[in-house]
Amino acid sequence: ISTNYADSVKGRFTISRDNAKNTLTLQMNSLK
C-alpha cells in the first residue's frame, strides 16, 4: 500500500496498480 515518489514528480505523476490484471500504470500530467 505504500508509495514513494521522486520530489521532481510529486503532484504531477501518479502510480497505480491493477492486481487482477497484474499491471502497473504511471499517469504523467503537466509534463516538462
All heavy atoms as atom14 arrays in JSON, in Angstrom:
{
  "sequence": "ISTNYADSVKGRFTISRDNAKNTLTLQMNSLK",
  "atom14_mask": [
    [1, 1, 1, 1, 1, 1, 1, 1, 0, 0, 0, 0, 0, 0],
    [1, 1, 1, 1, 1, 1, 0, 0, 0, 0, 0, 0, 0, 0],
    [1, 1, 1, 1, 1, 1, 1, 0, 0, 0, 0, 0, 0, 0],
    [1, 1, 1, 1, 1, 1, 1, 1, 0, 0, 0, 0, 0, 0],
    [1, 1, 1, 1, 1, 1, 1, 1, 1, 1, 1, 1, 0, 0],
    [1, 1, 1, 1, 1, 0, 0, 0, 0, 0, 0, 0, 0, 0],
    [1, 1, 1, 1, 1, 1, 1, 1, 0, 0, 0, 0, 0, 0],
    [1, 1, 1, 1, 1, 1, 0, 0, 0, 0, 0, 0, 0, 0],
    [1, 1, 1, 1, 1, 1, 1, 0, 0, 0, 0, 0, 0, 0],
    [1, 1, 1, 1, 1, 1, 1, 1, 1, 0, 0, 0, 0, 0],
    [1, 1, 1, 1, 0, 0, 0, 0, 0, 0, 0, 0, 0, 0],
    [1, 1, 1, 1, 1, 1, 1, 1, 1, 1, 1, 0, 0, 0],
    [1, 1, 1, 1, 1, 1, 1, 1, 1, 1, 1, 0, 0, 0],
    [1, 1, 1, 1, 1, 1, 1, 0, 0, 0, 0, 0, 0, 0],
    [1, 1, 1, 1, 1, 1, 1, 1, 0, 0, 0, 0, 0, 0],
    [1, 1, 1, 1, 1, 1, 0, 0, 0, 0, 0, 0, 0, 0],
    [1, 1, 1, 1, 1, 1, 1, 1, 1, 1, 1, 0, 0, 0],
    [1, 1, 1, 1, 1, 1, 1, 1, 0, 0, 0, 0, 0, 0],
    [1, 1, 1, 1, 1, 1, 1, 1, 0, 0, 0, 0, 0, 0],
    [1, 1, 1, 1, 1, 0, 0, 0, 0, 0, 0, 0, 0, 0],
    [1, 1, 1, 1, 1, 1, 1, 1, 1, 0, 0, 0, 0, 0],
    [1, 1, 1, 1, 1, 1, 1, 1, 0, 0, 0, 0, 0, 0],
    [1, 1, 1, 1, 1, 1, 1, 0, 0, 0, 0, 0, 0, 0],
    [1, 1, 1, 1, 1, 1, 1, 1, 0, 0, 0, 0, 0, 0],
    [1, 1, 1, 1, 1, 1, 1, 0, 0, 0, 0, 0, 0, 0],
    [1, 1, 1, 1, 1, 1, 1, 1, 0, 0, 0, 0, 0, 0],
    [1, 1, 1, 1, 1, 1, 1, 1, 1, 0, 0, 0, 0, 0],
    [1, 1, 1, 1, 1, 1, 1, 1, 0, 0, 0, 0, 0, 0],
    [1, 1, 1, 1, 1, 1, 1, 1, 0, 0, 0, 0, 0, 0],
    [1, 1, 1, 1, 1, 1, 0, 0, 0, 0, 0, 0, 0, 0],
    [1, 1, 1, 1, 1, 1, 1, 1, 0, 0, 0, 0, 0, 0],
    [1, 1, 1, 1, 1, 1, 1, 1, 1, 0, 0, 0, 0, 0]
  ],
  "atom14_positions": [
    [[0.8, -1.23, 0.0], [0.0, 0.0, 0.0], [0.83, 1.27, 0.0], [0.3, 2.35, -0.28], [-0.96, 0.04, 1.22], [-0.17, -0.06, 2.52], [-2.0, -1.07, 1.11], [-1.0, 0.13, 3.74], [0.0, 0.0, 0.0], [0.0, 0.0, 0.0], [0.0, 0.0, 0.0], [0.0, 0.0, 0.0], [0.0, 0.0, 0.0], [0.0, 0.0, 0.0]],
    [[2.1, 1.2, 0.31], [2.93, 2.4, 0.43], [3.55, 2.78, -0.91], [4.09, 1.92, -1.6], [4.04, 2.18, 1.45], [3.52, 1.96, 2.72], [0.0, 0.0, 0.0], [0.0, 0.0, 0.0], [0.0, 0.0, 0.0], [0.0, 0.0, 0.0], [0.0, 0.0, 0.0], [0.0, 0.0, 0.0], [0.0, 0.0, 0.0], [0.0, 0.0, 0.0]],
    [[3.47, 4.07, -1.24], [4.08, 4.57, -2.46], [5.11, 5.64, -2.14], [4.99, 6.35, -1.13], [3.04, 5.16, -3.42], [2.32, 6.2, -2.74], [2.06, 4.1, -3.89], [0.0, 0.0, 0.0], [0.0, 0.0, 0.0], [0.0, 0.0, 0.0], [0.0, 0.0, 0.0], [0.0, 0.0, 0.0], [0.0, 0.0, 0.0], [0.0, 0.0, 0.0]],
    [[6.11, 5.75, -2.99], [7.11, 6.8, -2.88], [7.32, 7.42, -4.25], [7.32, 6.71, -5.26], [8.43, 6.24, -2.36], [8.33, 5.8, -0.91], [8.19, 6.62, -0.01], [8.39, 4.51, -0.68], [0.0, 0.0, 0.0], [0.0, 0.0, 0.0], [0.0, 0.0, 0.0], [0.0, 0.0, 0.0], [0.0, 0.0, 0.0], [0.0, 0.0, 0.0]],
    [[7.5, 8.73, -4.26], [7.7, 9.47, -5.49], [8.98, 10.3, -5.41], [9.34, 10.8, -4.34], [6.54, 10.44, -5.76], [5.23, 9.77, -6.1], [4.34, 9.4, -5.09], [4.87, 9.52, -7.42], [3.13, 8.8, -5.39], [3.65, 8.92, -7.73], [2.79, 8.56, -6.71], [1.59, 7.96, -7.03], [0.0, 0.0, 0.0], [0.0, 0.0, 0.0]],
    [[9.62, 10.47, -6.55], [10.71, 11.43, -6.62], [10.14, 12.83, -6.39], [9.02, 13.12, -6.82], [11.39, 11.37, -7.98], [0.0, 0.0, 0.0], [0.0, 0.0, 0.0], [0.0, 0.0, 0.0], [0.0, 0.0, 0.0], [0.0, 0.0, 0.0], [0.0, 0.0, 0.0], [0.0, 0.0, 0.0], [0.0, 0.0, 0.0], [0.0, 0.0, 0.0]],
    [[10.9, 13.67, -5.73], [10.41, 15.03, -5.44], [10.05, 15.76, -6.74], [9.1, 16.56, -6.76], [11.47, 15.82, -4.69], [11.63, 15.37, -3.25], [10.7, 14.69, -2.74], [12.66, 15.67, -2.64], [0.0, 0.0, 0.0], [0.0, 0.0, 0.0], [0.0, 0.0, 0.0], [0.0, 0.0, 0.0], [0.0, 0.0, 0.0], [0.0, 0.0, 0.0]],
    [[10.78, 15.48, -7.79], [10.59, 16.2, -9.04], [9.25, 15.88, -9.73], [8.83, 16.62, -10.62], [11.73, 15.9, -10.01], [11.8, 14.51, -10.27], [0.0, 0.0, 0.0], [0.0, 0.0, 0.0], [0.0, 0.0, 0.0], [0.0, 0.0, 0.0], [0.0, 0.0, 0.0], [0.0, 0.0, 0.0], [0.0, 0.0, 0.0], [0.0, 0.0, 0.0]],
    [[8.59, 14.78, -9.32], [7.34, 14.4, -9.98], [6.14, 14.44, -9.04], [5.0, 14.22, -9.47], [7.44, 13.0, -10.62], [8.65, 12.91, -11.54], [7.47, 11.9, -9.58], [0.0, 0.0, 0.0], [0.0, 0.0, 0.0], [0.0, 0.0, 0.0], [0.0, 0.0, 0.0], [0.0, 0.0, 0.0], [0.0, 0.0, 0.0], [0.0, 0.0, 0.0]],
    [[6.37, 14.72, -7.78], [5.26, 14.77, -6.82], [4.2, 15.79, -7.25], [4.53, 16.9, -7.63], [5.78, 15.11, -5.42], [6.46, 13.97, -4.71], [6.94, 14.38, -3.34], [7.64, 13.22, -2.64], [8.19, 13.62, -1.32], [0.0, 0.0, 0.0], [0.0, 0.0, 0.0], [0.0, 0.0, 0.0], [0.0, 0.0, 0.0], [0.0, 0.0, 0.0]],
    [[2.95, 15.36, -7.18], [1.85, 16.24, -7.57], [1.56, 16.21, -9.06], [0.53, 16.75, -9.49], [0.0, 0.0, 0.0], [0.0, 0.0, 0.0], [0.0, 0.0, 0.0], [0.0, 0.0, 0.0], [0.0, 0.0, 0.0], [0.0, 0.0, 0.0], [0.0, 0.0, 0.0], [0.0, 0.0, 0.0], [0.0, 0.0, 0.0], [0.0, 0.0, 0.0]],
    [[2.43, 15.6, -9.86], [2.22, 15.54, -11.31], [2.03, 14.11, -11.79], [1.26, 13.87, -12.74], [3.41, 16.17, -12.04], [3.66, 17.61, -11.7], [4.73, 18.22, -12.6], [6.03, 17.58, -12.46], [6.69, 17.0, -13.47], [6.17, 16.98, -14.69], [7.87, 16.45, -13.25], [0.0, 0.0, 0.0], [0.0, 0.0, 0.0], [0.0, 0.0, 0.0]],
    [[2.73, 13.17, -11.19], [2.67, 11.76, -11.6], [1.92, 10.95, -10.55], [2.02, 11.23, -9.35], [4.07, 11.18, -11.75], [4.88, 11.72, -12.89], [4.48, 12.83, -13.63], [6.07, 11.1, -13.26], [5.24, 13.32, -14.67], [6.84, 11.57, -14.3], [6.44, 12.68, -15.01], [0.0, 0.0, 0.0], [0.0, 0.0, 0.0], [0.0, 0.0, 0.0]],
    [[1.23, 9.92, -11.03], [0.52, 9.01, -10.13], [0.76, 7.57, -10.55], [0.54, 7.22, -11.71], [-1.0, 9.28, -10.13], [-1.24, 10.65, -9.77], [-1.71, 8.37, -9.14], [0.0, 0.0, 0.0], [0.0, 0.0, 0.0], [0.0, 0.0, 0.0], [0.0, 0.0, 0.0], [0.0, 0.0, 0.0], [0.0, 0.0, 0.0], [0.0, 0.0, 0.0]],
    [[1.22, 6.77, -9.61], [1.43, 5.35, -9.87], [0.21, 4.59, -9.36], [-0.35, 4.92, -8.32], [2.73, 4.85, -9.19], [3.06, 3.43, -9.66], [2.64, 4.96, -7.68], [4.42, 2.94, -9.17], [0.0, 0.0, 0.0], [0.0, 0.0, 0.0], [0.0, 0.0, 0.0], [0.0, 0.0, 0.0], [0.0, 0.0, 0.0], [0.0, 0.0, 0.0]],
    [[-0.2, 3.6, -10.14], [-1.33, 2.77, -9.71], [-1.1, 1.34, -10.18], [-0.25, 1.08, -11.06], [-2.65, 3.31, -10.28], [-2.63, 3.34, -11.68], [0.0, 0.0, 0.0], [0.0, 0.0, 0.0], [0.0, 0.0, 0.0], [0.0, 0.0, 0.0], [0.0, 0.0, 0.0], [0.0, 0.0, 0.0], [0.0, 0.0, 0.0], [0.0, 0.0, 0.0]],
    [[-1.87, 0.45, -9.6], [-1.66, -0.99, -9.85], [-3.02, -1.67, -9.94], [-3.9, -1.4, -9.14], [-0.83, -1.54, -8.7], [-0.47, -2.98, -8.76], [0.48, -3.31, -7.61], [-0.13, -3.02, -6.33], [0.55, -2.98, -5.18], [1.86, -3.17, -5.2], [-0.06, -2.72, -4.05], [0.0, 0.0, 0.0], [0.0, 0.0, 0.0], [0.0, 0.0, 0.0]],
    [[-3.16, -2.53, -10.93], [-4.35, -3.35, -11.06], [-3.95, -4.78, -10.71], [-3.34, -5.48, -11.53], [-4.91, -3.26, -12.48], [-6.24, -3.97, -12.63], [-6.45, -5.0, -11.95], [-7.06, -3.53, -13.44], [0.0, 0.0, 0.0], [0.0, 0.0, 0.0], [0.0, 0.0, 0.0], [0.0, 0.0, 0.0], [0.0, 0.0, 0.0], [0.0, 0.0, 0.0]],
    [[-4.28, -5.21, -9.51], [-3.85, -6.53, -9.06], [-4.51, -7.66, -9.85], [-3.89, -8.69, -10.08], [-4.15, -6.69, -7.57], [-3.3, -5.77, -6.73], [-2.22, -5.34, -7.13], [-3.79, -5.43, -5.55], [0.0, 0.0, 0.0], [0.0, 0.0, 0.0], [0.0, 0.0, 0.0], [0.0, 0.0, 0.0], [0.0, 0.0, 0.0], [0.0, 0.0, 0.0]],
    [[-5.73, -7.46, -10.27], [-6.43, -8.5, -11.01], [-5.78, -8.74, -12.38], [-5.68, -9.87, -12.85], [-7.89, -8.11, -11.19], [0.0, 0.0, 0.0], [0.0, 0.0, 0.0], [0.0, 0.0, 0.0], [0.0, 0.0, 0.0], [0.0, 0.0, 0.0], [0.0, 0.0, 0.0], [0.0, 0.0, 0.0], [0.0, 0.0, 0.0], [0.0, 0.0, 0.0]],
    [[-5.31, -7.65, -13.0], [-4.69, -7.77, -14.32], [-3.17, -7.87, -14.24], [-2.52, -8.09, -15.25], [-5.08, -6.57, -15.19], [-6.57, -6.47, -15.49], [-6.86, -5.27, -16.38], [-8.34, -5.19, -16.72], [-8.65, -4.02, -17.58], [0.0, 0.0, 0.0], [0.0, 0.0, 0.0], [0.0, 0.0, 0.0], [0.0, 0.0, 0.0], [0.0, 0.0, 0.0]],
    [[-2.64, -7.68, -13.01], [-1.19, -7.71, -12.82], [-0.49, -6.69, -13.72], [0.48, -6.99, -14.42], [-0.63, -9.11, -13.09], [0.59, -9.42, -12.25], [0.71, -8.95, -11.12], [1.5, -10.2, -12.78], [0.0, 0.0, 0.0], [0.0, 0.0, 0.0], [0.0, 0.0, 0.0], [0.0, 0.0, 0.0], [0.0, 0.0, 0.0], [0.0, 0.0, 0.0]],
    [[-1.01, -5.47, -13.68], [-0.44, -4.38, -14.48], [-0.13, -3.19, -13.59], [-0.73, -3.01, -12.52], [-1.39, -3.94, -15.6], [-2.65, -3.55, -15.02], [-1.63, -5.05, -16.6], [0.0, 0.0, 0.0], [0.0, 0.0, 0.0], [0.0, 0.0, 0.0], [0.0, 0.0, 0.0], [0.0, 0.0, 0.0], [0.0, 0.0, 0.0], [0.0, 0.0, 0.0]],
    [[0.78, -2.39, -14.05], [1.23, -1.2, -13.35], [1.09, -0.01, -14.3], [1.37, -0.15, -15.5], [2.69, -1.37, -12.94], [3.3, -0.31, -12.03], [2.69, -0.39, -10.64], [4.81, -0.51, -11.96], [0.0, 0.0, 0.0], [0.0, 0.0, 0.0], [0.0, 0.0, 0.0], [0.0, 0.0, 0.0], [0.0, 0.0, 0.0], [0.0, 0.0, 0.0]],
    [[0.65, 1.12, -13.77], [0.42, 2.28, -14.61], [1.09, 3.51, -14.0], [1.18, 3.64, -12.78], [-1.09, 2.55, -14.74], [-1.71, 1.42, -15.36], [-1.36, 3.77, -15.59], [0.0, 0.0, 0.0], [0.0, 0.0, 0.0], [0.0, 0.0, 0.0], [0.0, 0.0, 0.0], [0.0, 0.0, 0.0], [0.0, 0.0, 0.0], [0.0, 0.0, 0.0]],
    [[1.58, 4.38, -14.86], [2.1, 5.67, -14.42], [1.39, 6.76, -15.22], [1.59, 6.87, -16.43], [3.61, 5.75, -14.64], [4.28, 7.04, -14.12], [4.24, 7.05, -12.58], [5.72, 7.15, -14.6], [0.0, 0.0, 0.0], [0.0, 0.0, 0.0], [0.0, 0.0, 0.0], [0.0, 0.0, 0.0], [0.0, 0.0, 0.0], [0.0, 0.0, 0.0]],
    [[0.55, 7.51, -14.55], [-0.13, 8.65, -15.17], [0.76, 9.87, -14.98], [1.06, 10.24, -13.84], [-1.5, 8.87, -14.55], [-2.25, 10.07, -15.12], [-2.62, 9.89, -16.57], [-3.07, 8.82, -16.98], [-2.42, 10.93, -17.37], [0.0, 0.0, 0.0], [0.0, 0.0, 0.0], [0.0, 0.0, 0.0], [0.0, 0.0, 0.0], [0.0, 0.0, 0.0]],
    [[1.14, 10.48, -16.1], [2.05, 11.63, -16.05], [1.34, 12.86, -16.59], [0.95, 12.89, -17.76], [3.31, 11.33, -16.88], [4.02, 10.05, -16.44], [5.57, 9.79, -17.32], [4.96, 9.52, -18.99], [0.0, 0.0, 0.0], [0.0, 0.0, 0.0], [0.0, 0.0, 0.0], [0.0, 0.0, 0.0], [0.0, 0.0, 0.0], [0.0, 0.0, 0.0]],
    [[1.16, 13.85, -15.74], [0.5, 15.09, -16.11], [1.47, 16.26, -16.0], [2.51, 16.15, -15.35], [-0.72, 15.34, -15.22], [-1.77, 14.27, -15.33], [-1.97, 13.67, -16.4], [-2.47, 13.99, -14.25], [0.0, 0.0, 0.0], [0.0, 0.0, 0.0], [0.0, 0.0, 0.0], [0.0, 0.0, 0.0], [0.0, 0.0, 0.0], [0.0, 0.0, 0.0]],
    [[1.11, 17.36, -16.62], [1.94, 18.58, -16.57], [3.4, 18.26, -16.89], [4.32, 18.67, -16.18], [1.83, 19.23, -15.18], [0.49, 19.54, -14.87], [0.0, 0.0, 0.0], [0.0, 0.0, 0.0], [0.0, 0.0, 0.0], [0.0, 0.0, 0.0], [0.0, 0.0, 0.0], [0.0, 0.0, 0.0], [0.0, 0.0, 0.0], [0.0, 0.0, 0.0]],
    [[3.59, 17.53, -17.97], [4.94, 17.09, -18.33], [5.84, 18.27, -18.68], [5.38, 19.29, -19.23], [4.87, 16.1, -19.49], [4.44, 14.7, -19.08], [3.94, 13.91, -20.28], [5.58, 13.97, -18.4], [0.0, 0.0, 0.0], [0.0, 0.0, 0.0], [0.0, 0.0, 0.0], [0.0, 0.0, 0.0], [0.0, 0.0, 0.0], [0.0, 0.0, 0.0]],
    [[7.11, 18.11, -18.34], [8.12, 19.12, -18.58], [9.22, 18.55, -19.47], [9.43, 17.32, -19.48], [8.75, 19.57, -17.25], [7.75, 20.09, -16.23], [8.44, 20.38, -14.91], [7.45, 20.89, -13.87], [8.13, 21.18, -12.57], [0.0, 0.0, 0.0], [0.0, 0.0, 0.0], [0.0, 0.0, 0.0], [0.0, 0.0, 0.0], [0.0, 0.0, 0.0]]
  ]
}
